[in-house]
PDB file of N, CA and C in Angstrom:
ATOM      1  N   UNK A   1       0.838  -1.217   0.019  1.00  0.00           N
ATOM      2  CA  UNK A   1       0.020   0.027   0.014  1.00  0.00           C
ATOM      3  C   UNK A   1       0.781   1.275   0.023  1.00  0.00           C
ATOM      4  N   UNK A   2       1.961   1.192   0.728  1.00  0.00           N
ATOM      5  CA  UNK A   2       2.834   2.402   0.683  1.00  0.00           C
ATOM      6  C   UNK A   2       3.390   2.651  -0.733  1.00  0.00           C
ATOM      7  N   UNK A   3       3.560   1.647  -1.476  1.00  0.00           N
ATOM      8  CA  UNK A   3       3.938   1.813  -2.896  1.00  0.00           C
ATOM      9  C   UNK A   3       2.855   2.494  -3.735  1.00  0.00           C
ATOM     10  N   UNK A   4       1.624   2.157  -3.466  1.00  0.00           N
ATOM     11  CA  UNK A   4       0.540   2.790  -4.082  1.00  0.00           C
ATOM     12  C   UNK A   4       0.441   4.286  -3.770  1.00  0.00           C
ATOM     13  N   UNK A   5       0.696   4.619  -2.499  1.00  0.00           N
ATOM     14  CA  UNK A   5       0.667   6.023  -2.066  1.00  0.00           C
ATOM     15  C   UNK A   5       1.725   6.779  -2.768  1.00  0.00           C
ATOM     16  N   UNK A   6       2.939   6.215  -2.746  1.00  0.00           N
ATOM     17  CA  UNK A   6       4.070   6.792  -3.429  1.00  0.00           C
ATOM     18  C   UNK A   6       3.823   7.031  -4.912  1.00  0.00           C
ATOM     19  N   UNK A   7       3.191   5.969  -5.542  1.00  0.00           N
ATOM     20  CA  UNK A   7       2.983   6.157  -6.944  1.00  0.00           C
ATOM     21  C   UNK A   7       1.908   7.182  -7.254  1.00  0.00           C
ATOM     22  N   UNK A   8       0.930   7.312  -6.417  1.00  0.00           N
ATOM     23  CA  UNK A   8      -0.205   8.283  -6.594  1.00  0.00           C
ATOM     24  C   UNK A   8      -0.045   9.572  -5.852  1.00  0.00           C
ATOM     25  N   UNK A   9       1.193   9.836  -5.316  1.00  0.00           N
ATOM     26  CA  UNK A   9       1.532  11.015  -4.520  1.00  0.00           C
ATOM     27  C   UNK A   9       1.060  12.277  -5.199  1.00  0.00           C
ATOM     28  N   UNK A  10       1.509  12.522  -6.408  1.00  0.00           N
ATOM     29  CA  UNK A  10       1.124  13.789  -7.097  1.00  0.00           C
ATOM     30  C   UNK A  10      -0.378  13.958  -7.267  1.00  0.00           C
ATOM     31  N   UNK A  11      -1.098  12.782  -7.577  1.00  0.00           N
ATOM     32  CA  UNK A  11      -2.527  12.805  -7.734  1.00  0.00           C
ATOM     33  C   UNK A  11      -3.181  13.170  -6.394  1.00  0.00           C
ATOM     34  N   UNK A  12      -2.729  12.555  -5.337  1.00  0.00           N
ATOM     35  CA  UNK A  12      -3.321  12.749  -3.966  1.00  0.00           C
ATOM     36  C   UNK A  12      -3.169  14.215  -3.590  1.00  0.00           C
ATOM     37  N   UNK A  13      -1.942  14.790  -3.760  1.00  0.00           N
ATOM     38  CA  UNK A  13      -1.810  16.106  -3.349  1.00  0.00           C
ATOM     39  C   UNK A  13      -2.454  17.125  -4.211  1.00  0.00           C
ATOM     40  N   UNK A  14      -2.678  16.880  -5.527  1.00  0.00           N
ATOM     41  CA  UNK A  14      -3.372  17.742  -6.420  1.00  0.00           C
ATOM     42  C   UNK A  14      -4.912  17.696  -6.055  1.00  0.00           C
ATOM     43  N   UNK A  15      -5.391  16.519  -5.762  1.00  0.00           N
ATOM     44  CA  UNK A  15      -6.753  16.356  -5.385  1.00  0.00           C
ATOM     45  C   UNK A  15      -7.037  17.116  -4.046  1.00  0.00           C
ATOM     46  N   UNK A  16      -6.151  16.927  -3.162  1.00  0.00           N
ATOM     47  CA  UNK A  16      -6.283  17.592  -1.848  1.00  0.00           C
ATOM     48  C   UNK A  16      -6.326  19.164  -2.042  1.00  0.00           C
ATOM     49  N   UNK A  17      -5.313  19.684  -2.815  1.00  0.00           N
ATOM     50  CA  UNK A  17      -5.309  21.019  -3.019  1.00  0.00           C
ATOM     51  C   UNK A  17      -6.558  21.571  -3.732  1.00  0.00           C
ATOM     52  N   UNK A  18      -7.079  20.800  -4.636  1.00  0.00           N
ATOM     53  CA  UNK A  18      -8.382  21.249  -5.397  1.00  0.00           C
ATOM     54  C   UNK A  18      -9.509  21.330  -4.389  1.00  0.00           C
ATOM     55  N   UNK A  19      -9.465  20.569  -3.322  1.00  0.00           N
ATOM     56  CA  UNK A  19     -10.585  20.621  -2.353  1.00  0.00           C
ATOM     57  C   UNK A  19     -10.222  21.285  -1.054  1.00  0.00           C
ATOM     58  N   UNK A  20      -9.167  22.118  -1.105  1.00  0.00           N
ATOM     59  CA  UNK A  20      -8.849  22.932   0.085  1.00  0.00           C
ATOM     60  C   UNK A  20      -8.180  22.261   1.167  1.00  0.00           C
ATOM     61  N   UNK A  21      -7.597  21.077   0.987  1.00  0.00           N
ATOM     62  CA  UNK A  21      -6.868  20.399   1.995  1.00  0.00           C
ATOM     63  C   UNK A  21      -5.468  20.879   1.972  1.00  0.00           C
ATOM     64  N   UNK A  22      -4.820  20.958   3.145  1.00  0.00           N
ATOM     65  CA  UNK A  22      -3.368  21.249   3.200  1.00  0.00           C
ATOM     66  C   UNK A  22      -2.641  20.438   4.298  1.00  0.00           C
ATOM     67  N   UNK A  23      -1.428  20.389   4.252  1.00  0.00           N
ATOM     68  CA  UNK A  23      -0.594  19.766   5.201  1.00  0.00           C
ATOM     69  C   UNK A  23      -1.114  18.248   5.277  1.00  0.00           C
ATOM     70  N   UNK A  24      -1.190  17.547   4.141  1.00  0.00           N
ATOM     71  CA  UNK A  24      -1.640  16.194   4.072  1.00  0.00           C
ATOM     72  C   UNK A  24      -0.619  15.258   4.655  1.00  0.00           C
ATOM     73  N   UNK A  25      -1.053  14.412   5.511  1.00  0.00           N
ATOM     74  CA  UNK A  25      -0.103  13.453   6.203  1.00  0.00           C
ATOM     75  C   UNK A  25      -0.807  12.042   6.168  1.00  0.00           C
ATOM     76  N   UNK A  26      -0.057  11.106   6.340  1.00  0.00           N
ATOM     77  CA  UNK A  26      -0.554   9.657   6.560  1.00  0.00           C
ATOM     78  C   UNK A  26      -0.207   9.256   7.877  1.00  0.00           C
ATOM     79  N   UNK A  27      -1.099   8.404   8.514  1.00  0.00           N
ATOM     80  CA  UNK A  27      -0.751   7.792   9.849  1.00  0.00           C
ATOM     81  C   UNK A  27      -1.281   6.392   9.876  1.00  0.00           C
ATOM     82  N   UNK A  28      -0.939   5.645  10.855  1.00  0.00           N
ATOM     83  CA  UNK A  28      -1.372   4.292  11.005  1.00  0.00           C
ATOM     84  C   UNK A  28      -0.384   3.288  10.409  1.00  0.00           C
ATOM     85  N   UNK A  29      -0.854   2.125  10.160  1.00  0.00           N
ATOM     86  CA  UNK A  29      -0.007   0.975   9.796  1.00  0.00           C
ATOM     87  C   UNK A  29       0.811   1.277   8.511  1.00  0.00           C
ATOM     88  N   UNK A  30       0.163   1.910   7.553  1.00  0.00           N
ATOM     89  CA  UNK A  30       0.928   2.129   6.323  1.00  0.00           C
ATOM     90  C   UNK A  30       2.095   3.053   6.592  1.00  0.00           C
ATOM     91  N   UNK A  31       1.853   4.093   7.262  1.00  0.00           N
ATOM     92  CA  UNK A  31       2.835   5.143   7.664  1.00  0.00           C
ATOM     93  C   UNK A  31       4.007   4.410   8.527  1.00  0.00           C
ATOM     94  N   UNK A  32       3.656   3.517   9.304  1.00  0.00           N
ATOM     95  CA  UNK A  32       4.647   2.848  10.174  1.00  0.00           C
ATOM     96  C   UNK A  32       5.395   1.714   9.391  1.00  0.00           C
ATOM     97  N   UNK A  33       4.839   1.308   8.272  1.00  0.00           N
ATOM     98  CA  UNK A  33       5.426   0.212   7.527  1.00  0.00           C
ATOM     99  C   UNK A  33       5.055  -1.180   8.156  1.00  0.00           C
ATOM    100  N   UNK A  34       3.913  -1.165   8.819  1.00  0.00           N
ATOM    101  CA  UNK A  34       3.461  -2.372   9.490  1.00  0.00           C
ATOM    102  C   UNK A  34       2.131  -2.900   8.857  1.00  0.00           C
ATOM    103  N   UNK A  35       2.163  -3.103   7.576  1.00  0.00           N
ATOM    104  CA  UNK A  35       0.953  -3.360   6.752  1.00  0.00           C
ATOM    105  C   UNK A  35       0.634  -4.904   6.867  1.00  0.00           C
ATOM    106  N   UNK A  36      -0.665  -5.156   7.018  1.00  0.00           N
ATOM    107  CA  UNK A  36      -1.196  -6.581   6.877  1.00  0.00           C
ATOM    108  C   UNK A  36      -2.471  -6.515   6.031  1.00  0.00           C
ATOM    109  N   UNK A  37      -3.045  -7.684   5.876  1.00  0.00           N
ATOM    110  CA  UNK A  37      -4.248  -7.763   5.009  1.00  0.00           C
ATOM    111  C   UNK A  37      -5.461  -6.887   5.496  1.00  0.00           C
ATOM    112  N   UNK A  38      -5.435  -6.526   6.786  1.00  0.00           N
ATOM    113  CA  UNK A  38      -6.505  -5.740   7.361  1.00  0.00           C
ATOM    114  C   UNK A  38      -6.243  -4.287   7.259  1.00  0.00           C
ATOM    115  N   UNK A  39      -5.016  -3.873   6.782  1.00  0.00           N
ATOM    116  CA  UNK A  39      -4.635  -2.482   6.793  1.00  0.00           C
ATOM    117  C   UNK A  39      -5.456  -1.620   5.820  1.00  0.00           C
ATOM    118  N   UNK A  40      -5.563  -0.355   6.133  1.00  0.00           N
ATOM    119  CA  UNK A  40      -6.199   0.563   5.229  1.00  0.00           C
ATOM    120  C   UNK A  40      -5.182   1.806   5.235  1.00  0.00           C
ATOM    121  N   UNK A  41      -5.570   2.818   4.500  1.00  0.00           N
ATOM    122  CA  UNK A  41      -4.735   4.027   4.445  1.00  0.00           C
ATOM    123  C   UNK A  41      -5.406   5.135   5.125  1.00  0.00           C
ATOM    124  N   UNK A  42      -4.814   5.718   6.145  1.00  0.00           N
ATOM    125  CA  UNK A  42      -5.362   6.782   6.969  1.00  0.00           C
ATOM    126  C   UNK A  42      -4.679   8.151   6.598  1.00  0.00           C
ATOM    127  N   UNK A  43      -5.450   9.081   6.245  1.00  0.00           N
ATOM    128  CA  UNK A  43      -4.887  10.367   5.861  1.00  0.00           C
ATOM    129  C   UNK A  43      -5.366  11.446   6.886  1.00  0.00           C
ATOM    130  N   UNK A  44      -4.482  12.377   7.107  1.00  0.00           N
ATOM    131  CA  UNK A  44      -4.674  13.540   7.965  1.00  0.00           C
ATOM    132  C   UNK A  44      -4.524  14.733   7.169  1.00  0.00           C
ATOM    133  N   UNK A  45      -5.364  15.776   7.287  1.00  0.00           N
ATOM    134  CA  UNK A  45      -5.194  17.037   6.570  1.00  0.00           C
ATOM    135  C   UNK A  45      -5.859  18.159   7.270  1.00  0.00           C
ATOM    136  N   UNK A  46      -5.356  19.332   6.949  1.00  0.00           N
ATOM    137  CA  UNK A  46      -5.956  20.590   7.542  1.00  0.00           C
ATOM    138  C   UNK A  46      -7.004  21.118   6.486  1.00  0.00           C
ATOM    139  N   UNK A  47      -8.197  21.465   6.958  1.00  0.00           N
ATOM    140  CA  UNK A  47      -9.213  21.962   6.103  1.00  0.00           C
ATOM    141  C   UNK A  47      -9.765  23.254   6.692  1.00  0.00           C
ATOM    142  N   UNK A  48     -10.304  24.180   5.903  1.00  0.00           N
ATOM    143  CA  UNK A  48     -11.089  25.258   6.374  1.00  0.00           C
ATOM    144  C   UNK A  48     -12.358  24.787   6.929  1.00  0.00           C
ATOM    145  N   UNK A  49     -12.952  25.558   7.797  1.00  0.00           N
ATOM    146  CA  UNK A  49     -14.248  25.250   8.343  1.00  0.00           C
ATOM    147  C   UNK A  49     -15.277  25.250   7.155  1.00  0.00           C
ATOM    148  N   UNK A  50     -16.263  24.410   7.131  1.00  0.00           N
ATOM    149  CA  UNK A  50     -17.212  24.356   6.109  1.00  0.00           C
ATOM    150  C   UNK A  50     -16.871  23.480   4.968  1.00  0.00           C
ATOM    151  N   UNK A  51     -15.714  22.864   4.870  1.00  0.00           N
ATOM    152  CA  UNK A  51     -15.291  21.935   3.844  1.00  0.00           C
ATOM    153  C   UNK A  51     -16.071  20.675   4.078  1.00  0.00           C
ATOM    154  N   UNK A  52     -16.758  20.159   3.084  1.00  0.00           N
ATOM    155  CA  UNK A  52     -17.487  18.925   3.133  1.00  0.00           C
ATOM    156  C   UNK A  52     -16.593  17.678   2.966  1.00  0.00           C
ATOM    157  N   UNK A  53     -16.331  16.958   3.993  1.00  0.00           N
ATOM    158  CA  UNK A  53     -15.466  15.808   3.894  1.00  0.00           C
ATOM    159  C   UNK A  53     -16.040  14.723   3.050  1.00  0.00           C
ATOM    160  N   UNK A  54     -17.427  14.641   2.969  1.00  0.00           N
ATOM    161  CA  UNK A  54     -18.000  13.670   2.036  1.00  0.00           C
ATOM    162  C   UNK A  54     -17.652  14.047   0.538  1.00  0.00           C
ATOM    163  N   UNK A  55     -17.681  15.235   0.249  1.00  0.00           N
ATOM    164  CA  UNK A  55     -17.275  15.673  -1.133  1.00  0.00           C
ATOM    165  C   UNK A  55     -15.850  15.198  -1.444  1.00  0.00           C
ATOM    166  N   UNK A  56     -14.953  15.400  -0.477  1.00  0.00           N
ATOM    167  CA  UNK A  56     -13.582  14.965  -0.715  1.00  0.00           C
ATOM    168  C   UNK A  56     -13.495  13.415  -0.822  1.00  0.00           C
ATOM    169  N   UNK A  57     -14.231  12.754   0.072  1.00  0.00           N
ATOM    170  CA  UNK A  57     -14.316  11.330   0.033  1.00  0.00           C
ATOM    171  C   UNK A  57     -14.737  10.801  -1.298  1.00  0.00           C
ATOM    172  N   UNK A  58     -15.784  11.452  -1.903  1.00  0.00           N
ATOM    173  CA  UNK A  58     -16.267  11.002  -3.164  1.00  0.00           C
ATOM    174  C   UNK A  58     -15.251  11.335  -4.167  1.00  0.00           C
ATOM    175  N   UNK A  59     -14.511  12.428  -4.106  1.00  0.00           N
ATOM    176  CA  UNK A  59     -13.535  12.757  -5.099  1.00  0.00           C
ATOM    177  C   UNK A  59     -12.382  11.761  -5.162  1.00  0.00           C
ATOM    178  N   UNK A  60     -12.033  11.219  -3.919  1.00  0.00           N
ATOM    179  CA  UNK A  60     -10.974  10.198  -3.894  1.00  0.00           C
ATOM    180  C   UNK A  60     -11.499   9.011  -4.589  1.00  0.00           C
ATOM    181  N   UNK A  61     -12.673   8.548  -4.306  1.00  0.00           N
ATOM    182  CA  UNK A  61     -13.217   7.414  -4.947  1.00  0.00           C
ATOM    183  C   UNK A  61     -13.310   7.537  -6.486  1.00  0.00           C
ATOM    184  N   UNK A  62     -13.698   8.687  -6.939  1.00  0.00           N
ATOM    185  CA  UNK A  62     -13.879   8.927  -8.341  1.00  0.00           C
ATOM    186  C   UNK A  62     -12.626   9.316  -9.070  1.00  0.00           C
ATOM    187  N   UNK A  63     -11.722  10.134  -8.503  1.00  0.00           N
ATOM    188  CA  UNK A  63     -10.554  10.533  -9.204  1.00  0.00           C
ATOM    189  C   UNK A  63      -9.358   9.644  -9.040  1.00  0.00           C
ATOM    190  N   UNK A  64      -9.264   8.931  -7.955  1.00  0.00           N
ATOM    191  CA  UNK A  64      -8.173   7.979  -7.631  1.00  0.00           C
ATOM    192  C   UNK A  64      -8.745   6.623  -7.203  1.00  0.00           C
ATOM    193  N   UNK A  65      -9.422   5.920  -8.099  1.00  0.00           N
ATOM    194  CA  UNK A  65     -10.192   4.733  -7.660  1.00  0.00           C
ATOM    195  C   UNK A  65      -9.326   3.644  -6.992  1.00  0.00           C
ATOM    196  N   UNK A  66      -8.051   3.648  -7.326  1.00  0.00           N
ATOM    197  CA  UNK A  66      -7.075   2.695  -6.754  1.00  0.00           C
ATOM    198  C   UNK A  66      -7.021   2.868  -5.254  1.00  0.00           C
ATOM    199  N   UNK A  67      -7.253   4.160  -4.792  1.00  0.00           N
ATOM    200  CA  UNK A  67      -7.140   4.440  -3.348  1.00  0.00           C
ATOM    201  C   UNK A  67      -8.512   4.340  -2.662  1.00  0.00           C
ATOM    202  N   UNK A  68      -9.550   4.515  -3.429  1.00  0.00           N
ATOM    203  CA  UNK A  68     -10.943   4.591  -2.914  1.00  0.00           C
ATOM    204  C   UNK A  68     -11.223   3.449  -1.928  1.00  0.00           C
ATOM    205  N   UNK A  69     -10.855   2.253  -2.260  1.00  0.00           N
ATOM    206  CA  UNK A  69     -11.161   1.112  -1.378  1.00  0.00           C
ATOM    207  C   UNK A  69     -10.224   1.026  -0.152  1.00  0.00           C
ATOM    208  N   UNK A  70      -9.067   1.603  -0.268  1.00  0.00           N
ATOM    209  CA  UNK A  70      -8.067   1.495   0.850  1.00  0.00           C
ATOM    210  C   UNK A  70      -8.164   2.660   1.826  1.00  0.00           C
ATOM    211  N   UNK A  71      -8.669   3.743   1.429  1.00  0.00           N
ATOM    212  CA  UNK A  71      -8.776   4.953   2.336  1.00  0.00           C
ATOM    213  C   UNK A  71     -10.019   4.747   3.149  1.00  0.00           C
ATOM    214  N   UNK A  72      -9.888   4.649   4.439  1.00  0.00           N
ATOM    215  CA  UNK A  72     -11.012   4.447   5.315  1.00  0.00           C
ATOM    216  C   UNK A  72     -11.301   5.692   6.221  1.00  0.00           C
ATOM    217  N   UNK A  73     -10.268   6.463   6.394  1.00  0.00           N
ATOM    218  CA  UNK A  73     -10.405   7.571   7.344  1.00  0.00           C
ATOM    219  C   UNK A  73      -9.794   8.837   6.675  1.00  0.00           C
ATOM    220  N   UNK A  74     -10.577   9.882   6.735  1.00  0.00           N
ATOM    221  CA  UNK A  74     -10.005  11.294   6.548  1.00  0.00           C
ATOM    222  C   UNK A  74     -10.167  11.946   7.874  1.00  0.00           C
ATOM    223  N   UNK A  75      -9.042  12.425   8.416  1.00  0.00           N
ATOM    224  CA  UNK A  75      -9.080  13.094   9.747  1.00  0.00           C
ATOM    225  C   UNK A  75      -8.817  14.582   9.543  1.00  0.00           C
ATOM    226  N   UNK A  76      -9.604  15.363  10.120  1.00  0.00           N
ATOM    227  CA  UNK A  76      -9.594  16.778   9.930  1.00  0.00           C
ATOM    228  C   UNK A  76      -8.488  17.503  10.639  1.00  0.00           C
ATOM    229  N   UNK A  77      -8.091  16.987  11.792  1.00  0.00           N
ATOM    230  CA  UNK A  77      -7.153  17.740  12.576  1.00  0.00           C
ATOM    231  C   UNK A  77      -5.835  16.920  12.894  1.00  0.00           C
ATOM    232  N   UNK A  78      -4.722  17.563  12.813  1.00  0.00           N
ATOM    233  CA  UNK A  78      -3.437  16.897  13.086  1.00  0.00           C
ATOM    234  C   UNK A  78      -3.408  16.327  14.505  1.00  0.00           C
ATOM    235  N   UNK A  79      -4.026  16.957  15.357  1.00  0.00           N
ATOM    236  CA  UNK A  79      -3.987  16.559  16.794  1.00  0.00           C
ATOM    237  C   UNK A  79      -4.684  15.215  17.020  1.00  0.00           C
ATOM    238  N   UNK A  80      -5.395  14.718  16.004  1.00  0.00           N
ATOM    239  CA  UNK A  80      -6.113  13.454  16.087  1.00  0.00           C
ATOM    240  C   UNK A  80      -5.236  12.230  16.110  1.00  0.00           C
ATOM    241  N   UNK A  81      -3.962  12.365  15.703  1.00  0.00           N
ATOM    242  CA  UNK A  81      -3.116  11.158  15.584  1.00  0.00           C
ATOM    243  C   UNK A  81      -1.784  11.447  16.230  1.00  0.00           C
ATOM    244  N   UNK A  82      -1.224  10.451  16.813  1.00  0.00           N
ATOM    245  CA  UNK A  82       0.106  10.533  17.496  1.00  0.00           C
ATOM    246  C   UNK A  82       1.093  10.924  16.490  1.00  0.00           C
ATOM    247  N   UNK A  83       1.859  11.998  16.784  1.00  0.00           N
ATOM    248  CA  UNK A  83       2.849  12.549  15.898  1.00  0.00           C
ATOM    249  C   UNK A  83       3.958  11.445  15.482  1.00  0.00           C
ATOM    250  N   UNK A  84       4.172  10.544  16.371  1.00  0.00           N
ATOM    251  CA  UNK A  84       5.157   9.498  16.006  1.00  0.00           C
ATOM    252  C   UNK A  84       4.714   8.552  14.934  1.00  0.00           C
ATOM    253  N   UNK A  85       3.413   8.517  14.612  1.00  0.00           N
ATOM    254  CA  UNK A  85       2.909   7.634  13.606  1.00  0.00           C
ATOM    255  C   UNK A  85       2.590   8.402  12.312  1.00  0.00           C
ATOM    256  N   UNK A  86       2.940   9.666  12.212  1.00  0.00           N
ATOM    257  CA  UNK A  86       2.644  10.456  10.977  1.00  0.00           C
ATOM    258  C   UNK A  86       3.910  10.484  10.104  1.00  0.00           C
ATOM    259  N   UNK A  87       3.586  10.476   8.750  1.00  0.00           N
ATOM    260  CA  UNK A  87       4.669  10.810   7.839  1.00  0.00           C
ATOM    261  C   UNK A  87       4.097  11.625   6.676  1.00  0.00           C
ATOM    262  N   UNK A  88       4.947  12.320   5.965  1.00  0.00           N
ATOM    263  CA  UNK A  88       4.451  13.076   4.809  1.00  0.00           C
ATOM    264  C   UNK A  88       3.980  12.200   3.783  1.00  0.00           C
ATOM    265  N   UNK A  89       3.019  12.632   3.005  1.00  0.00           N
ATOM    266  CA  UNK A  89       2.524  11.878   1.765  1.00  0.00           C
ATOM    267  C   UNK A  89       3.581  12.180   0.708  1.00  0.00           C
TER     268      UNK A  89
END
């Protein structure tokens, strides 16, 4: 999965910017390099108030379908995840 994120990095960041997301990070098992068959991809990003996360979720599924099934969580605030588990996208 980390390879998929690396391969799609430019697409992920372009999509994030298009929808007002900034400071995109990944956390969890993929960021730690501890992936198993149950793993998903967890992203963290800063958004302005009023941004519709469902709109972004739909954009991920439509614009980057390879990630759509793997991305399970979009987290709005950096404080939501332990800093030791984060890495840049």
